[in-house]
Protein backbone atom coordinates (compact mmCIF):
# COMPACT_ATOMS: atom_id res chain seq x y z
CA UNK A 1 -0.15 0.12 0.03
CA UNK A 2 1.37 3.68 -0.53
CA UNK A 3 1.84 6.11 1.83
CA UNK A 4 0.69 9.10 1.03
CA UNK A 5 4.25 10.88 0.63
CA UNK A 6 4.00 9.12 -2.56
CA UNK A 7 1.25 10.75 -4.26
CA UNK A 8 2.44 14.59 -3.70
CA UNK A 9 5.99 13.64 -5.57
CA UNK A 10 4.72 12.12 -8.23
CA UNK A 11 2.22 15.11 -9.12
CA UNK A 12 5.08 17.44 -8.86
CA UNK A 13 6.89 14.79 -11.34
CA UNK A 14 4.00 14.81 -13.39
CA UNK A 15 3.55 18.36 -14.18
CA UNK A 16 7.19 19.25 -14.24
CA UNK A 17 7.49 20.49 -11.22
CA UNK A 18 11.25 19.15 -10.66
CA UNK A 19 12.25 20.88 -7.47
CA UNK A 20 9.05 20.20 -6.02
CA UNK A 21 9.23 16.55 -7.16
CA UNK A 22 12.56 16.70 -5.43
CA UNK A 23 11.61 17.80 -2.14
CA UNK A 24 8.74 15.27 -1.68
CA UNK A 25 11.11 12.30 -3.66
CA UNK A 26 13.74 12.66 -0.65
CA UNK A 27 10.47 13.13 2.22
CA UNK A 28 9.39 9.72 0.72
CA UNK A 29 12.93 8.25 0.99
CA UNK A 30 13.35 9.26 4.60
CA UNK A 31 10.40 6.97 5.02
CA UNK A 32 11.57 4.12 2.78
CA UNK A 33 15.26 4.52 2.10
CA UNK A 34 14.73 1.68 -0.39
CA UNK A 35 11.39 2.52 -2.38
CA UNK A 36 12.45 2.23 -5.88
CA UNK A 37 10.00 4.32 -7.51
CA UNK A 38 11.22 7.45 -5.05
CA UNK A 39 14.86 6.45 -6.49
CA UNK A 40 14.48 6.29 -9.80
CA UNK A 41 12.39 9.72 -10.23
CA UNK A 42 14.21 11.34 -8.11
CA UNK A 43 17.20 10.43 -10.19
CA UNK A 44 15.03 11.62 -13.43
CA UNK A 45 13.93 14.52 -11.21
CA UNK A 46 17.80 15.53 -10.34
CA UNK A 47 18.84 15.12 -14.08
CA UNK A 48 15.95 17.43 -15.46
CA UNK A 49 17.36 20.19 -13.20
CA UNK A 50 21.01 19.64 -13.84
CA UNK A 51 22.34 17.81 -10.40
CA UNK A 52 23.83 15.38 -12.22
CA UNK A 53 25.72 14.19 -8.75
CA UNK A 54 22.86 13.71 -6.88
CA UNK A 55 21.02 12.11 -9.91
CA UNK A 56 23.70 9.52 -10.19
CA UNK A 57 23.78 8.96 -6.51
CA UNK A 58 20.27 8.36 -6.56
CA UNK A 59 20.58 5.91 -9.68
CA UNK A 60 23.67 3.96 -7.50
CA UNK A 61 21.49 3.39 -4.83
CA UNK A 62 18.93 1.97 -7.09
CA UNK A 63 21.22 -0.39 -8.59
CA UNK A 64 22.28 -1.62 -4.99
CA UNK A 65 19.19 -3.04 -5.13
CA UNK A 66 18.21 -3.71 -8.51
CA UNK A 67 21.43 -5.04 -9.32
CA UNK A 68 20.38 -6.59 -12.53
CA UNK A 69 18.16 -4.10 -13.84
CA UNK A 70 19.78 -2.83 -17.64
CA UNK A 71 17.38 0.62 -17.33
CA UNK A 72 18.89 1.42 -13.73
CA UNK A 73 22.46 0.79 -15.73
CA UNK A 74 21.22 3.04 -18.77
CA UNK A 75 20.36 5.80 -16.83
CA UNK A 76 24.03 5.60 -14.85
CA UNK A 77 25.50 5.40 -17.69
CA UNK A 78 23.69 8.77 -18.99
CA UNK A 79 24.33 10.28 -16.00
CA UNK A 80 27.87 9.83 -16.23
CA UNK A 81 27.89 10.68 -20.19
CA UNK A 82 26.50 14.10 -19.01
CA UNK A 83 28.99 14.79 -16.67
CA UNK A 84 31.87 13.89 -19.54
CA UNK A 85 32.83 10.78 -18.01
CA UNK A 86 32.35 8.89 -21.11
CA UNK A 87 34.91 5.82 -20.10
CA UNK A 88 32.35 5.42 -17.09
CA UNK A 89 29.21 5.49 -19.36
CA UNK A 90 30.55 2.76 -21.43
CA UNK A 91 31.55 0.44 -18.63
CA UNK A 92 28.29 0.41 -17.40
CA UNK A 93 26.02 0.43 -20.75
CA UNK A 94 28.61 -2.45 -21.32
CA UNK A 95 27.54 -4.03 -17.93
CA UNK A 96 24.00 -3.34 -19.02
CA UNK A 97 24.68 -5.46 -22.14
CA UNK A 98 25.55 -8.18 -19.98
CA UNK A 99 22.25 -8.51 -18.83
CA UNK A 100 20.02 -7.22 -21.88
CA UNK A 101 22.12 -8.87 -24.80
CA UNK A 102 20.63 -7.01 -27.90
CA UNK A 103 18.81 -4.11 -26.16
CA UNK A 104 19.02 -1.58 -29.33
CA UNK A 105 18.64 1.46 -27.25
CA UNK A 106 22.11 0.66 -25.35
CA UNK A 107 23.70 -0.27 -28.18
CA UNK A 108 22.66 2.79 -29.77
CA UNK A 109 23.89 4.76 -27.07
CA UNK A 110 27.24 2.52 -26.38
CA UNK A 111 28.05 3.67 -30.53
CA UNK A 112 26.93 7.32 -30.59
CA UNK A 113 29.83 7.53 -27.41
CA UNK A 114 31.94 5.82 -29.61
CA UNK A 115 31.48 7.59 -32.27
CA UNK A 116 31.68 10.93 -30.65
CA UNK A 117 35.19 10.10 -28.77
CA UNK A 118 36.06 9.22 -32.43
CA UNK A 119 36.18 5.69 -32.01
CA UNK A 120 34.72 4.51 -35.64
CA UNK A 121 35.95 1.50 -35.54
CA UNK A 122 34.31 0.39 -32.32
CA UNK A 123 30.71 2.16 -33.01
CA UNK A 124 30.82 0.59 -36.78
CA UNK A 125 30.99 -2.62 -35.01
CA UNK A 126 27.84 -1.53 -32.54
CA UNK A 127 26.04 -0.39 -35.82
CA UNK A 128 26.55 -3.72 -36.96
CA UNK A 129 25.07 -5.30 -33.97
CA UNK A 130 22.06 -3.14 -34.11
CA UNK A 131 21.41 -3.95 -37.78
CA UNK A 132 22.15 -7.55 -37.33
CA UNK A 133 19.71 -7.94 -34.74
CA UNK A 134 16.96 -5.99 -36.45
CA UNK A 135 16.93 -7.90 -39.59
CA UNK A 136 17.17 -10.67 -37.26
CA UNK A 137 14.04 -9.56 -35.08
CA UNK A 138 12.03 -8.50 -38.19
CA UNK A 139 12.47 -11.78 -39.72
CA UNK A 140 11.33 -13.71 -36.85
CA UNK A 141 8.43 -11.64 -36.17
CA UNK A 142 7.57 -12.29 -39.67
CA UNK A 143 7.68 -15.77 -39.11
CA UNK A 144 5.64 -15.65 -35.85
CA UNK A 145 2.57 -13.55 -37.88
CA UNK A 146 2.90 -16.12 -40.73
CA UNK A 147 2.78 -19.41 -38.19
CA UNK A 148 -0.16 -17.48 -36.65
CA UNK A 149 -1.87 -16.36 -39.54
CA UNK A 150 -1.84 -20.03 -41.04
CA UNK A 151 -2.54 -21.51 -37.36
CA UNK A 152 -5.53 -19.52 -37.48
CA UNK A 153 -6.95 -20.42 -41.11
CA UNK A 154 -6.50 -24.25 -40.19
CA UNK A 155 -8.40 -23.96 -36.96
CA UNK A 156 -11.16 -21.97 -38.64
């Protein structure tokens, strides 16, 4: 059951009042220091008002709770990228890819960092992976749809 402390920050979060959202999420975390939703949304709100260190702290705490969540690892990588620490961002993206192997969003971000760093070879390798898995997934989806259509026709 949610405490009332969780509804106030969510209202401010949805309305884009990041400063109020931060204040109320911090209050909510005093009630429940391991509330995943509060930690995640606090990290996003801090990122929006350019409090990168606070955002990073929030996402790192969340990572301690959800150690295999690739979205949390992506957010940590994104904050490091915004802070200009591309090597840390790459490490976190690679860690996220070890959990979610072919996630196109993670691969795209990794490729963009390599490209911005001037590492065209690594960027190209990541691009090849994205293209390969896009073709593979579309082919698999086409096959599944074909099987469903044939099955529906055979079963009347």
